[in-house]
Amino acid sequence: MMTKTLALVATTLAVAVTANPTVGYAGYFYENCTTPSIDAGNAYAGSCLNVENFPIKSFTAYVESGSCADGTSAVLHTYTASGCDEATLFETVSVDTEKQCFEADVTLVSIKSECV
């Protein structure tokens, strides 16, 4: 019985980790993600993260840890107001484990990642 319980717990944890990517984000004052970054954070799947209220010209994003379930992929939603209000959605970008640079002449205030 204990072996079955441990196997079930291990399987549940593996599924939870697989379905919950953490997306690394950094905002840049300059285009082309030219250093230095002026803002950074980690967006945990399904959770809204308020970031600094600085105007940026570009940002980087990548899956820092975890992954999505088969048939889905990670995205990062970026917003121009706090609280990840859908009415203030600026852009949704697809992300993977390779750090990518996105141009964005905007003031981002919150971000959220998820698997779609």
PDB file of N, CA and C in Angstrom:
ATOM      1  N   MET A   1       0.823  -1.195   0.000  1.00  0.00           N
ATOM      2  CA  MET A   1       0.000   0.000   0.000  1.00  0.00           C
ATOM      3  C   MET A   1       0.868   1.261   0.000  1.00  0.00           C
ATOM      4  N   MET A   2       1.916   1.249   0.828  1.00  0.00           N
ATOM      5  CA  MET A   2       2.800   2.407   0.904  1.00  0.00           C
ATOM      6  C   MET A   2       3.489   2.650  -0.436  1.00  0.00           C
ATOM      7  N   THR A   3       3.879   1.578  -1.125  1.00  0.00           N
ATOM      8  CA  THR A   3       4.542   1.714  -2.426  1.00  0.00           C
ATOM      9  C   THR A   3       3.605   2.353  -3.436  1.00  0.00           C
ATOM     10  N   LYS A   4       2.337   1.936  -3.447  1.00  0.00           N
ATOM     11  CA  LYS A   4       1.363   2.515  -4.375  1.00  0.00           C
ATOM     12  C   LYS A   4       1.139   3.994  -4.068  1.00  0.00           C
ATOM     13  N   THR A   5       1.079   4.326  -2.793  1.00  0.00           N
ATOM     14  CA  THR A   5       0.882   5.712  -2.394  1.00  0.00           C
ATOM     15  C   THR A   5       2.067   6.571  -2.827  1.00  0.00           C
ATOM     16  N   LEU A   6       3.282   6.082  -2.593  1.00  0.00           N
ATOM     17  CA  LEU A   6       4.471   6.826  -3.005  1.00  0.00           C
ATOM     18  C   LEU A   6       4.530   6.984  -4.517  1.00  0.00           C
ATOM     19  N   ALA A   7       4.164   5.945  -5.251  1.00  0.00           N
ATOM     20  CA  ALA A   7       4.163   6.025  -6.716  1.00  0.00           C
ATOM     21  C   ALA A   7       3.151   7.062  -7.189  1.00  0.00           C
ATOM     22  N   LEU A   8       1.982   7.095  -6.566  1.00  0.00           N
ATOM     23  CA  LEU A   8       0.953   8.062  -6.932  1.00  0.00           C
ATOM     24  C   LEU A   8       1.421   9.488  -6.636  1.00  0.00           C
ATOM     25  N   VAL A   9       2.031   9.695  -5.485  1.00  0.00           N
ATOM     26  CA  VAL A   9       2.542  11.017  -5.126  1.00  0.00           C
ATOM     27  C   VAL A   9       3.632  11.446  -6.109  1.00  0.00           C
ATOM     28  N   ALA A  10       4.549  10.546  -6.447  1.00  0.00           N
ATOM     29  CA  ALA A  10       5.624  10.872  -7.390  1.00  0.00           C
ATOM     30  C   ALA A  10       5.062  11.221  -8.760  1.00  0.00           C
ATOM     31  N   THR A  11       4.064  10.470  -9.219  1.00  0.00           N
ATOM     32  CA  THR A  11       3.437  10.750 -10.510  1.00  0.00           C
ATOM     33  C   THR A  11       2.738  12.098 -10.488  1.00  0.00           C
ATOM     34  N   THR A  12       2.024  12.384  -9.422  1.00  0.00           N
ATOM     35  CA  THR A  12       1.328  13.662  -9.288  1.00  0.00           C
ATOM     36  C   THR A  12       2.313  14.823  -9.297  1.00  0.00           C
ATOM     37  N   LEU A  13       3.413  14.688  -8.572  1.00  0.00           N
ATOM     38  CA  LEU A  13       4.423  15.745  -8.552  1.00  0.00           C
ATOM     39  C   LEU A  13       5.062  15.926  -9.923  1.00  0.00           C
ATOM     40  N   ALA A  14       5.324  14.844 -10.622  1.00  0.00           N
ATOM     41  CA  ALA A  14       5.916  14.942 -11.960  1.00  0.00           C
ATOM     42  C   ALA A  14       4.984  15.673 -12.913  1.00  0.00           C
ATOM     43  N   VAL A  15       3.693  15.384 -12.851  1.00  0.00           N
ATOM     44  CA  VAL A  15       2.717  16.067 -13.701  1.00  0.00           C
ATOM     45  C   VAL A  15       2.642  17.538 -13.330  1.00  0.00           C
ATOM     46  N   ALA A  16       2.644  17.847 -12.043  1.00  0.00           N
ATOM     47  CA  ALA A  16       2.560  19.239 -11.597  1.00  0.00           C
ATOM     48  C   ALA A  16       3.768  20.039 -12.068  1.00  0.00           C
ATOM     49  N   VAL A  17       4.955  19.456 -11.972  1.00  0.00           N
ATOM     50  CA  VAL A  17       6.157  20.153 -12.410  1.00  0.00           C
ATOM     51  C   VAL A  17       6.133  20.341 -13.917  1.00  0.00           C
ATOM     52  N   THR A  18       5.724  19.316 -14.639  1.00  0.00           N
ATOM     53  CA  THR A  18       5.691  19.388 -16.096  1.00  0.00           C
ATOM     54  C   THR A  18       4.734  20.471 -16.566  1.00  0.00           C
ATOM     55  N   ALA A  19       3.626  20.646 -15.891  1.00  0.00           N
ATOM     56  CA  ALA A  19       2.596  21.572 -16.358  1.00  0.00           C
ATOM     57  C   ALA A  19       2.787  22.991 -15.835  1.00  0.00           C
ATOM     58  N   ASN A  20       3.872  23.252 -15.145  1.00  0.00           N
ATOM     59  CA  ASN A  20       4.039  24.564 -14.532  1.00  0.00           C
ATOM     60  C   ASN A  20       5.386  25.194 -14.859  1.00  0.00           C
ATOM     61  N   PRO A  21       5.516  25.769 -16.042  1.00  0.00           N
ATOM     62  CA  PRO A  21       6.790  26.412 -16.360  1.00  0.00           C
ATOM     63  C   PRO A  21       6.946  27.752 -15.640  1.00  0.00           C
ATOM     64  N   THR A  22       8.176  28.083 -15.341  1.00  0.00           N
ATOM     65  CA  THR A  22       8.521  29.400 -14.830  1.00  0.00           C
ATOM     66  C   THR A  22       9.200  30.152 -15.967  1.00  0.00           C
ATOM     67  N   VAL A  23       8.673  31.319 -16.303  1.00  0.00           N
ATOM     68  CA  VAL A  23       9.225  32.106 -17.404  1.00  0.00           C
ATOM     69  C   VAL A  23      10.044  33.261 -16.838  1.00  0.00           C
ATOM     70  N   GLY A  24      11.305  33.316 -17.243  1.00  0.00           N
ATOM     71  CA  GLY A  24      12.183  34.417 -16.865  1.00  0.00           C
ATOM     72  C   GLY A  24      11.930  35.612 -17.775  1.00  0.00           C
ATOM     73  N   TYR A  25      11.870  36.797 -17.192  1.00  0.00           N
ATOM     74  CA  TYR A  25      11.568  38.027 -17.932  1.00  0.00           C
ATOM     75  C   TYR A  25      12.575  39.102 -17.531  1.00  0.00           C
ATOM     76  N   ALA A  26      12.998  39.908 -18.497  1.00  0.00           N
ATOM     77  CA  ALA A  26      13.811  41.091 -18.209  1.00  0.00           C
ATOM     78  C   ALA A  26      13.433  42.190 -19.190  1.00  0.00           C
ATOM     79  N   GLY A  27      13.193  43.394 -18.672  1.00  0.00           N
ATOM     80  CA  GLY A  27      12.858  44.546 -19.506  1.00  0.00           C
ATOM     81  C   GLY A  27      14.088  45.422 -19.720  1.00  0.00           C
ATOM     82  N   TYR A  28      14.207  45.991 -20.918  1.00  0.00           N
ATOM     83  CA  TYR A  28      15.382  46.785 -21.288  1.00  0.00           C
ATOM     84  C   TYR A  28      14.982  48.193 -21.719  1.00  0.00           C
ATOM     85  N   PHE A  29      15.772  49.162 -21.312  1.00  0.00           N
ATOM     86  CA  PHE A  29      15.543  50.555 -21.685  1.00  0.00           C
ATOM     87  C   PHE A  29      15.845  50.781 -23.163  1.00  0.00           C
ATOM     88  N   TYR A  30      16.725  49.937 -23.731  1.00  0.00           N
ATOM     89  CA  TYR A  30      17.145  50.089 -25.122  1.00  0.00           C
ATOM     90  C   TYR A  30      16.560  49.005 -26.013  1.00  0.00           C
ATOM     91  N   GLU A  31      16.528  49.270 -27.317  1.00  0.00           N
ATOM     92  CA  GLU A  31      16.082  48.284 -28.299  1.00  0.00           C
ATOM     93  C   GLU A  31      17.072  47.122 -28.362  1.00  0.00           C
ATOM     94  N   ASN A  32      16.626  46.024 -28.952  1.00  0.00           N
ATOM     95  CA  ASN A  32      17.467  44.837 -29.172  1.00  0.00           C
ATOM     96  C   ASN A  32      17.999  44.224 -27.885  1.00  0.00           C
ATOM     97  N   CYS A  33      17.316  44.480 -26.775  1.00  0.00           N
ATOM     98  CA  CYS A  33      17.687  43.904 -25.475  1.00  0.00           C
ATOM     99  C   CYS A  33      19.133  44.212 -25.114  1.00  0.00           C
ATOM    100  N   THR A  34      19.528  45.439 -25.409  1.00  0.00           N
ATOM    101  CA  THR A  34      20.878  45.897 -25.097  1.00  0.00           C
ATOM    102  C   THR A  34      20.970  46.191 -23.609  1.00  0.00           C
ATOM    103  N   THR A  35      21.976  45.641 -22.951  1.00  0.00           N
ATOM    104  CA  THR A  35      22.129  45.805 -21.516  1.00  0.00           C
ATOM    105  C   THR A  35      22.372  47.268 -21.163  1.00  0.00           C
ATOM    106  N   PRO A  36      22.044  47.652 -19.982  1.00  0.00           N
ATOM    107  CA  PRO A  36      21.569  46.838 -18.871  1.00  0.00           C
ATOM    108  C   PRO A  36      20.046  46.678 -18.873  1.00  0.00           C
ATOM    109  N   SER A  37      19.593  45.597 -18.241  1.00  0.00           N
ATOM    110  CA  SER A  37      18.148  45.461 -18.055  1.00  0.00           C
ATOM    111  C   SER A  37      17.753  46.356 -16.885  1.00  0.00           C
ATOM    112  N   ILE A  38      16.537  46.868 -16.928  1.00  0.00           N
ATOM    113  CA  ILE A  38      16.086  47.766 -15.856  1.00  0.00           C
ATOM    114  C   ILE A  38      14.997  47.133 -15.006  1.00  0.00           C
ATOM    115  N   ASP A  39      14.614  45.905 -15.353  1.00  0.00           N
ATOM    116  CA  ASP A  39      13.544  45.222 -14.641  1.00  0.00           C
ATOM    117  C   ASP A  39      13.673  43.734 -14.915  1.00  0.00           C
ATOM    118  N   ALA A  40      13.379  42.905 -13.933  1.00  0.00           N
ATOM    119  CA  ALA A  40      13.442  41.459 -14.137  1.00  0.00           C
ATOM    120  C   ALA A  40      12.513  40.764 -13.155  1.00  0.00           C
ATOM    121  N   GLY A  41      12.058  39.577 -13.531  1.00  0.00           N
ATOM    122  CA  GLY A  41      11.201  38.802 -12.654  1.00  0.00           C
ATOM    123  C   GLY A  41      10.954  37.421 -13.223  1.00  0.00           C
ATOM    124  N   ASN A  42      10.319  36.576 -12.426  1.00  0.00           N
ATOM    125  CA  ASN A  42       9.942  35.231 -12.843  1.00  0.00           C
ATOM    126  C   ASN A  42       8.428  35.107 -12.802  1.00  0.00           C
ATOM    127  N   ALA A  43       7.852  34.752 -13.931  1.00  0.00           N
ATOM    128  CA  ALA A  43       6.401  34.576 -14.014  1.00  0.00           C
ATOM    129  C   ALA A  43       6.086  33.098 -13.845  1.00  0.00           C
ATOM    130  N   TYR A  44       5.429  32.752 -12.757  1.00  0.00           N
ATOM    131  CA  TYR A  44       5.040  31.374 -12.495  1.00  0.00           C
ATOM    132  C   TYR A  44       3.708  31.106 -13.179  1.00  0.00           C
ATOM    133  N   ALA A  45       3.572  29.928 -13.757  1.00  0.00           N
ATOM    134  CA  ALA A  45       2.382  29.589 -14.546  1.00  0.00           C
ATOM    135  C   ALA A  45       1.096  29.913 -13.798  1.00  0.00           C
ATOM    136  N   GLY A  46       0.241  30.697 -14.441  1.00  0.00           N
ATOM    137  CA  GLY A  46      -1.065  31.017 -13.893  1.00  0.00           C
ATOM    138  C   GLY A  46      -1.078  32.141 -12.874  1.00  0.00           C
ATOM    139  N   SER A  47       0.081  32.605 -12.440  1.00  0.00           N
ATOM    140  CA  SER A  47       0.142  33.675 -11.445  1.00  0.00           C
ATOM    141  C   SER A  47       0.518  34.993 -12.107  1.00  0.00           C
ATOM    142  N   CYS A  48      -0.095  36.055 -11.645  1.00  0.00           N
ATOM    143  CA  CYS A  48       0.202  37.389 -12.167  1.00  0.00           C
ATOM    144  C   CYS A  48       1.359  37.984 -11.370  1.00  0.00           C
ATOM    145  N   LEU A  49       2.313  38.565 -12.082  1.00  0.00           N
ATOM    146  CA  LEU A  49       3.445  39.227 -11.442  1.00  0.00           C
ATOM    147  C   LEU A  49       3.464  40.686 -11.867  1.00  0.00           C
ATOM    148  N   ASN A  50       3.346  41.576 -10.898  1.00  0.00           N
ATOM    149  CA  ASN A  50       3.486  43.000 -11.204  1.00  0.00           C
ATOM    150  C   ASN A  50       4.973  43.316 -11.296  1.00  0.00           C
ATOM    151  N   VAL A  51       5.361  44.019 -12.363  1.00  0.00           N
ATOM    152  CA  VAL A  51       6.759  44.393 -12.579  1.00  0.00           C
ATOM    153  C   VAL A  51       6.877  45.907 -12.467  1.00  0.00           C
ATOM    154  N   GLU A  52       8.102  46.396 -12.481  1.00  0.00           N
ATOM    155  CA  GLU A  52       8.321  47.836 -12.341  1.00  0.00           C
ATOM    156  C   GLU A  52       7.609  48.608 -13.446  1.00  0.00           C
ATOM    157  N   ASN A  53       7.176  49.782 -13.113  1.00  0.00           N
ATOM    158  CA  ASN A  53       6.412  50.635 -14.024  1.00  0.00           C
ATOM    159  C   ASN A  53       7.367  51.550 -14.799  1.00  0.00           C
ATOM    160  N   PHE A  54       8.309  50.925 -15.551  1.00  0.00           N
ATOM    161  CA  PHE A  54       9.298  51.669 -16.328  1.00  0.00           C
ATOM    162  C   PHE A  54       9.002  51.525 -17.813  1.00  0.00           C
ATOM    163  N   PRO A  55       9.191  52.573 -18.594  1.00  0.00           N
ATOM    164  CA  PRO A  55       9.067  52.415 -20.051  1.00  0.00           C
ATOM    165  C   PRO A  55      10.242  51.584 -20.574  1.00  0.00           C
ATOM    166  N   ILE A  56       9.944  50.646 -21.466  1.00  0.00           N
ATOM    167  CA  ILE A  56      10.990  49.805 -22.045  1.00  0.00           C
ATOM    168  C   ILE A  56      10.900  49.848 -23.566  1.00  0.00           C
ATOM    169  N   LYS A  57      11.987  49.460 -24.203  1.00  0.00           N
ATOM    170  CA  LYS A  57      12.035  49.358 -25.664  1.00  0.00           C
ATOM    171  C   LYS A  57      12.065  47.901 -26.117  1.00  0.00           C
ATOM    172  N   SER A  58      12.426  46.988 -25.200  1.00  0.00           N
ATOM    173  CA  SER A  58      12.492  45.569 -25.547  1.00  0.00           C
ATOM    174  C   SER A  58      12.488  44.739 -24.266  1.00  0.00           C
ATOM    175  N   PHE A  59      12.240  43.441 -24.408  1.00  0.00           N
ATOM    176  CA  PHE A  59      12.310  42.541 -23.261  1.00  0.00           C
ATOM    177  C   PHE A  59      12.725  41.149 -23.720  1.00  0.00           C
ATOM    178  N   THR A  60      13.304  40.394 -22.779  1.00  0.00           N
ATOM    179  CA  THR A  60      13.630  38.996 -23.043  1.00  0.00           C
ATOM    180  C   THR A  60      12.689  38.119 -22.241  1.00  0.00           C
ATOM    181  N   ALA A  61      12.460  36.929 -22.755  1.00  0.00           N
ATOM    182  CA  ALA A  61      11.641  35.948 -22.056  1.00  0.00           C
ATOM    183  C   ALA A  61      12.077  34.556 -22.486  1.00  0.00           C
ATOM    184  N   TYR A  62      12.024  33.625 -21.541  1.00  0.00           N
ATOM    185  CA  TYR A  62      12.367  32.230 -21.822  1.00  0.00           C
ATOM    186  C   TYR A  62      11.854  31.350 -20.693  1.00  0.00           C
ATOM    187  N   VAL A  63      11.668  30.059 -20.978  1.00  0.00           N
ATOM    188  CA  VAL A  63      11.261  29.107 -19.949  1.00  0.00           C
ATOM    189  C   VAL A  63      12.503  28.790 -19.125  1.00  0.00           C
ATOM    190  N   GLU A  64      12.469  29.229 -17.880  1.00  0.00           N
ATOM    191  CA  GLU A  64      13.605  29.063 -16.980  1.00  0.00           C
ATOM    192  C   GLU A  64      13.622  27.676 -16.351  1.00  0.00           C
ATOM    193  N   SER A  65      12.447  27.158 -16.017  1.00  0.00           N
ATOM    194  CA  SER A  65      12.351  25.824 -15.440  1.00  0.00           C
ATOM    195  C   SER A  65      10.954  25.278 -15.683  1.00  0.00           C
ATOM    196  N   GLY A  66      10.822  23.966 -15.533  1.00  0.00           N
ATOM    197  CA  GLY A  66       9.542  23.319 -15.782  1.00  0.00           C
ATOM    198  C   GLY A  66       9.243  23.266 -17.267  1.00  0.00           C
ATOM    199  N   SER A  67       8.095  22.726 -17.591  1.00  0.00           N
ATOM    200  CA  SER A  67       7.673  22.650 -18.992  1.00  0.00           C
ATOM    201  C   SER A  67       6.169  22.446 -19.037  1.00  0.00           C
ATOM    202  N   CYS A  68       5.629  22.537 -20.221  1.00  0.00           N
ATOM    203  CA  CYS A  68       4.197  22.333 -20.415  1.00  0.00           C
ATOM    204  C   CYS A  68       3.925  20.869 -20.744  1.00  0.00           C
ATOM    205  N   ALA A  69       2.700  20.453 -20.528  1.00  0.00           N
ATOM    206  CA  ALA A  69       2.290  19.096 -20.872  1.00  0.00           C
ATOM    207  C   ALA A  69       2.349  18.922 -22.383  1.00  0.00           C
ATOM    208  N   ASP A  70       2.448  17.684 -22.818  1.00  0.00           N
ATOM    209  CA  ASP A  70       2.478  17.390 -24.253  1.00  0.00           C
ATOM    210  C   ASP A  70       1.303  18.040 -24.958  1.00  0.00           C
ATOM    211  N   GLY A  71       1.577  18.599 -26.120  1.00  0.00           N
ATOM    212  CA  GLY A  71       0.526  19.223 -26.912  1.00  0.00           C
ATOM    213  C   GLY A  71       0.253  20.666 -26.556  1.00  0.00           C
ATOM    214  N   THR A  72       0.956  21.194 -25.549  1.00  0.00           N
ATOM    215  CA  THR A  72       0.796  22.604 -25.181  1.00  0.00           C
ATOM    216  C   THR A  72       2.171  23.262 -25.157  1.00  0.00           C
ATOM    217  N   SER A  73       2.178  24.581 -25.195  1.00  0.00           N
ATOM    218  CA  SER A  73       3.448  25.305 -25.128  1.00  0.00           C
ATOM    219  C   SER A  73       3.289  26.545 -24.260  1.00  0.00           C
ATOM    220  N   ALA A  74       4.414  27.036 -23.775  1.00  0.00           N
ATOM    221  CA  ALA A  74       4.410  28.175 -22.855  1.00  0.00           C
ATOM    222  C   ALA A  74       4.263  29.494 -23.608  1.00  0.00           C
ATOM    223  N   VAL A  75       3.485  30.396 -23.018  1.00  0.00           N
ATOM    224  CA  VAL A  75       3.355  31.757 -23.527  1.00  0.00           C
ATOM    225  C   VAL A  75       3.516  32.722 -22.361  1.00  0.00           C
ATOM    226  N   LEU A  76       3.906  33.941 -22.689  1.00  0.00           N
ATOM    227  CA  LEU A  76       3.982  35.016 -21.704  1.00  0.00           C
ATOM    228  C   LEU A  76       3.042  36.119 -22.148  1.00  0.00           C
ATOM    229  N   HIS A  77       2.098  36.470 -21.271  1.00  0.00           N
ATOM    230  CA  HIS A  77       1.178  37.582 -21.523  1.00  0.00           C
ATOM    231  C   HIS A  77       1.776  38.818 -20.861  1.00  0.00           C
ATOM    232  N   THR A  78       1.768  39.939 -21.576  1.00  0.00           N
ATOM    233  CA  THR A  78       2.293  41.196 -21.029  1.00  0.00           C
ATOM    234  C   THR A  78       1.170  42.229 -20.993  1.00  0.00           C
ATOM    235  N   TYR A  79       1.125  43.007 -19.911  1.00  0.00           N
ATOM    236  CA  TYR A  79       0.019  43.935 -19.677  1.00  0.00           C
ATOM    237  C   TYR A  79       0.533  45.332 -19.347  1.00  0.00           C
ATOM    238  N   THR A  80      -0.270  46.327 -19.662  1.00  0.00           N
ATOM    239  CA  THR A  80       0.093  47.720 -19.386  1.00  0.00           C
ATOM    240  C   THR A  80      -0.503  48.249 -18.083  1.00  0.00           C
ATOM    241  N   ALA A  81      -1.142  47.389 -17.310  1.00  0.00           N
ATOM    242  CA  ALA A  81      -1.675  47.771 -15.997  1.00  0.00           C
ATOM    243  C   ALA A  81      -1.416  46.632 -15.018  1.00  0.00           C
ATOM    244  N   SER A  82      -1.471  46.932 -13.740  1.00  0.00           N
ATOM    245  CA  SER A  82      -1.238  45.905 -12.728  1.00  0.00           C
ATOM    246  C   SER A  82      -2.409  44.931 -12.679  1.00  0.00           C
ATOM    247  N   GLY A  83      -2.149  43.765 -12.155  1.00  0.00           N
ATOM    248  CA  GLY A  83      -3.197  42.783 -11.954  1.00  0.00           C
ATOM    249  C   GLY A  83      -3.518  41.919 -13.159  1.00  0.00           C
ATOM    250  N   CYS A  84      -2.761  42.045 -14.243  1.00  0.00           N
ATOM    251  CA  CYS A  84      -2.969  41.223 -15.450  1.00  0.00           C
ATOM    252  C   CYS A  84      -4.403  41.311 -15.964  1.00  0.00           C
ATOM    253  N   ASP A  85      -4.923  42.516 -15.997  1.00  0.00           N
ATOM    254  CA  ASP A  85      -6.279  42.763 -16.491  1.00  0.00           C
ATOM    255  C   ASP A  85      -6.309  42.548 -18.004  1.00  0.00           C
ATOM    256  N   GLU A  86      -7.161  41.635 -18.461  1.00  0.00           N
ATOM    257  CA  GLU A  86      -7.231  41.298 -19.892  1.00  0.00           C
ATOM    258  C   GLU A  86      -7.476  42.527 -20.772  1.00  0.00           C
ATOM    259  N   ALA A  87      -8.150  43.530 -20.254  1.00  0.00           N
ATOM    260  CA  ALA A  87      -8.417  44.742 -21.033  1.00  0.00           C
ATOM    261  C   ALA A  87      -7.136  45.520 -21.331  1.00  0.00           C
ATOM    262  N   THR A  88      -6.054  45.224 -20.592  1.00  0.00           N
ATOM    263  CA  THR A  88      -4.793  45.939 -20.791  1.00  0.00           C
ATOM    264  C   THR A  88      -3.714  45.048 -21.407  1.00  0.00           C
ATOM    265  N   LEU A  89      -4.119  43.929 -22.015  1.00  0.00           N
ATOM    266  CA  LEU A  89      -3.160  43.025 -22.653  1.00  0.00           C
ATOM    267  C   LEU A  89      -2.405  43.761 -23.753  1.00  0.00           C
ATOM    268  N   PHE A  90      -1.080  43.768 -23.659  1.00  0.00           N
ATOM    269  CA  PHE A  90      -0.252  44.394 -24.691  1.00  0.00           C
ATOM    270  C   PHE A  90       0.100  43.377 -25.771  1.00  0.00           C
ATOM    271  N   GLU A  91       0.640  42.236 -25.346  1.00  0.00           N
ATOM    272  CA  GLU A  91       1.104  41.238 -26.302  1.00  0.00           C
ATOM    273  C   GLU A  91       1.237  39.890 -25.609  1.00  0.00           C
ATOM    274  N   THR A  92       1.008  38.824 -26.365  1.00  0.00           N
ATOM    275  CA  THR A  92       1.271  37.467 -25.901  1.00  0.00           C
ATOM    276  C   THR A  92       2.343  36.886 -26.805  1.00  0.00           C
ATOM    277  N   VAL A  93       3.416  36.384 -26.193  1.00  0.00           N
ATOM    278  CA  VAL A  93       4.523  35.826 -26.966  1.00  0.00           C
ATOM    279  C   VAL A  93       4.752  34.369 -26.583  1.00  0.00           C
ATOM    280  N   SER A  94       5.100  33.561 -27.563  1.00  0.00           N
ATOM    281  CA  SER A  94       5.471  32.166 -27.313  1.00  0.00           C
ATOM    282  C   SER A  94       6.909  32.135 -26.821  1.00  0.00           C
ATOM    283  N   VAL A  95       7.159  31.308 -25.817  1.00  0.00           N
ATOM    284  CA  VAL A  95       8.510  31.208 -25.258  1.00  0.00           C
ATOM    285  C   VAL A  95       8.931  29.748 -25.158  1.00  0.00           C
ATOM    286  N   ASP A  96      10.235  29.530 -25.203  1.00  0.00           N
ATOM    287  CA  ASP A  96      10.793  28.203 -24.977  1.00  0.00           C
ATOM    288  C   ASP A  96      12.047  28.368 -24.126  1.00  0.00           C
ATOM    289  N   THR A  97      12.906  27.373 -24.103  1.00  0.00           N
ATOM    290  CA  THR A  97      14.067  27.437 -23.213  1.00  0.00           C
ATOM    291  C   THR A  97      15.173  28.352 -23.728  1.00  0.00           C
ATOM    292  N   GLU A  98      15.063  28.810 -24.963  1.00  0.00           N
ATOM    293  CA  GLU A  98      16.049  29.745 -25.505  1.00  0.00           C
ATOM    294  C   GLU A  98      15.605  31.181 -25.233  1.00  0.00           C
ATOM    295  N   LYS A  99      16.492  31.973 -24.659  1.00  0.00           N
ATOM    296  CA  LYS A  99      16.165  33.375 -24.368  1.00  0.00           C
ATOM    297  C   LYS A  99      15.935  34.114 -25.684  1.00  0.00           C
ATOM    298  N   GLN A 100      14.780  34.772 -25.787  1.00  0.00           N
ATOM    299  CA  GLN A 100      14.419  35.507 -26.990  1.00  0.00           C
ATOM    300  C   GLN A 100      14.229  36.981 -26.655  1.00  0.00           C
ATOM    301  N   CYS A 101      14.515  37.837 -27.624  1.00  0.00           N
ATOM    302  CA  CYS A 101      14.335  39.275 -27.465  1.00  0.00           C
ATOM    303  C   CYS A 101      13.103  39.711 -28.250  1.00  0.00           C
ATOM    304  N   PHE A 102      12.255  40.509 -27.607  1.00  0.00           N
ATOM    305  CA  PHE A 102      11.043  41.032 -28.233  1.00  0.00           C
ATOM    306  C   PHE A 102      11.077  42.558 -28.163  1.00  0.00           C
ATOM    307  N   GLU A 103      10.784  43.203 -29.272  1.00  0.00           N
ATOM    308  CA  GLU A 103      10.723  44.665 -29.290  1.00  0.00           C
ATOM    309  C   GLU A 103       9.386  45.104 -28.687  1.00  0.00           C
ATOM    310  N   ALA A 104       9.414  46.148 -27.870  1.00  0.00           N
ATOM    311  CA  ALA A 104       8.194  46.606 -27.200  1.00  0.00           C
ATOM    312  C   ALA A 104       8.393  48.028 -26.695  1.00  0.00           C
ATOM    313  N   ASP A 105       7.923  48.993 -27.412  1.00  0.00           N
ATOM    314  CA  ASP A 105       8.024  50.393 -26.992  1.00  0.00           C
ATOM    315  C   ASP A 105       6.800  50.701 -26.133  1.00  0.00           C
ATOM    316  N   VAL A 106       6.880  50.345 -24.845  1.00  0.00           N
ATOM    317  CA  VAL A 106       5.709  50.359 -23.976  1.00  0.00           C
ATOM    318  C   VAL A 106       6.155  50.407 -22.517  1.00  0.00           C
ATOM    319  N   THR A 107       5.227  50.674 -21.635  1.00  0.00           N
ATOM    320  CA  THR A 107       5.462  50.525 -20.203  1.00  0.00           C
ATOM    321  C   THR A 107       4.669  49.314 -19.738  1.00  0.00           C
ATOM    322  N   LEU A 108       5.376  48.205 -19.513  1.00  0.00           N
ATOM    323  CA  LEU A 108       4.706  46.999 -19.017  1.00  0.00           C
ATOM    324  C   LEU A 108       4.623  47.071 -17.502  1.00  0.00           C
ATOM    325  N   VAL A 109       3.480  46.622 -16.973  1.00  0.00           N
ATOM    326  CA  VAL A 109       3.270  46.717 -15.536  1.00  0.00           C
ATOM    327  C   VAL A 109       3.010  45.351 -14.903  1.00  0.00           C
ATOM    328  N   SER A 110       2.549  44.378 -15.689  1.00  0.00           N
ATOM    329  CA  SER A 110       2.366  43.039 -15.146  1.00  0.00           C
ATOM    330  C   SER A 110       2.541  41.999 -16.246  1.00  0.00           C
ATOM    331  N   ILE A 111       2.880  40.768 -15.814  1.00  0.00           N
ATOM    332  CA  ILE A 111       3.092  39.655 -16.737  1.00  0.00           C
ATOM    333  C   ILE A 111       2.494  38.383 -16.142  1.00  0.00           C
ATOM    334  N   LYS A 112       2.180  37.441 -17.025  1.00  0.00           N
ATOM    335  CA  LYS A 112       1.641  36.151 -16.572  1.00  0.00           C
ATOM    336  C   LYS A 112       2.012  35.098 -17.608  1.00  0.00           C
ATOM    337  N   SER A 113       2.425  33.921 -17.146  1.00  0.00           N
ATOM    338  CA  SER A 113       2.723  32.833 -18.074  1.00  0.00           C
ATOM    339  C   SER A 113       1.688  31.733 -17.915  1.00  0.00           C
ATOM    340  N   GLU A 114       1.539  30.953 -18.974  1.00  0.00           N
ATOM    341  CA  GLU A 114       0.657  29.795 -18.925  1.00  0.00           C
ATOM    342  C   GLU A 114       0.973  28.872 -20.089  1.00  0.00           C
ATOM    343  N   CYS A 115       0.414  27.680 -20.045  1.00  0.00           N
ATOM    344  CA  CYS A 115       0.530  26.724 -21.135  1.00  0.00           C
ATOM    345  C   CYS A 115      -0.749  26.785 -21.956  1.00  0.00           C
ATOM    346  N   VAL A 116      -0.599  26.853 -23.263  1.00  0.00           N
ATOM    347  CA  VAL A 116      -1.775  26.887 -24.147  1.00  0.00           C
ATOM    348  C   VAL A 116      -1.638  25.854 -25.244  1.00  0.00           C
TER     349      VAL A 116
END
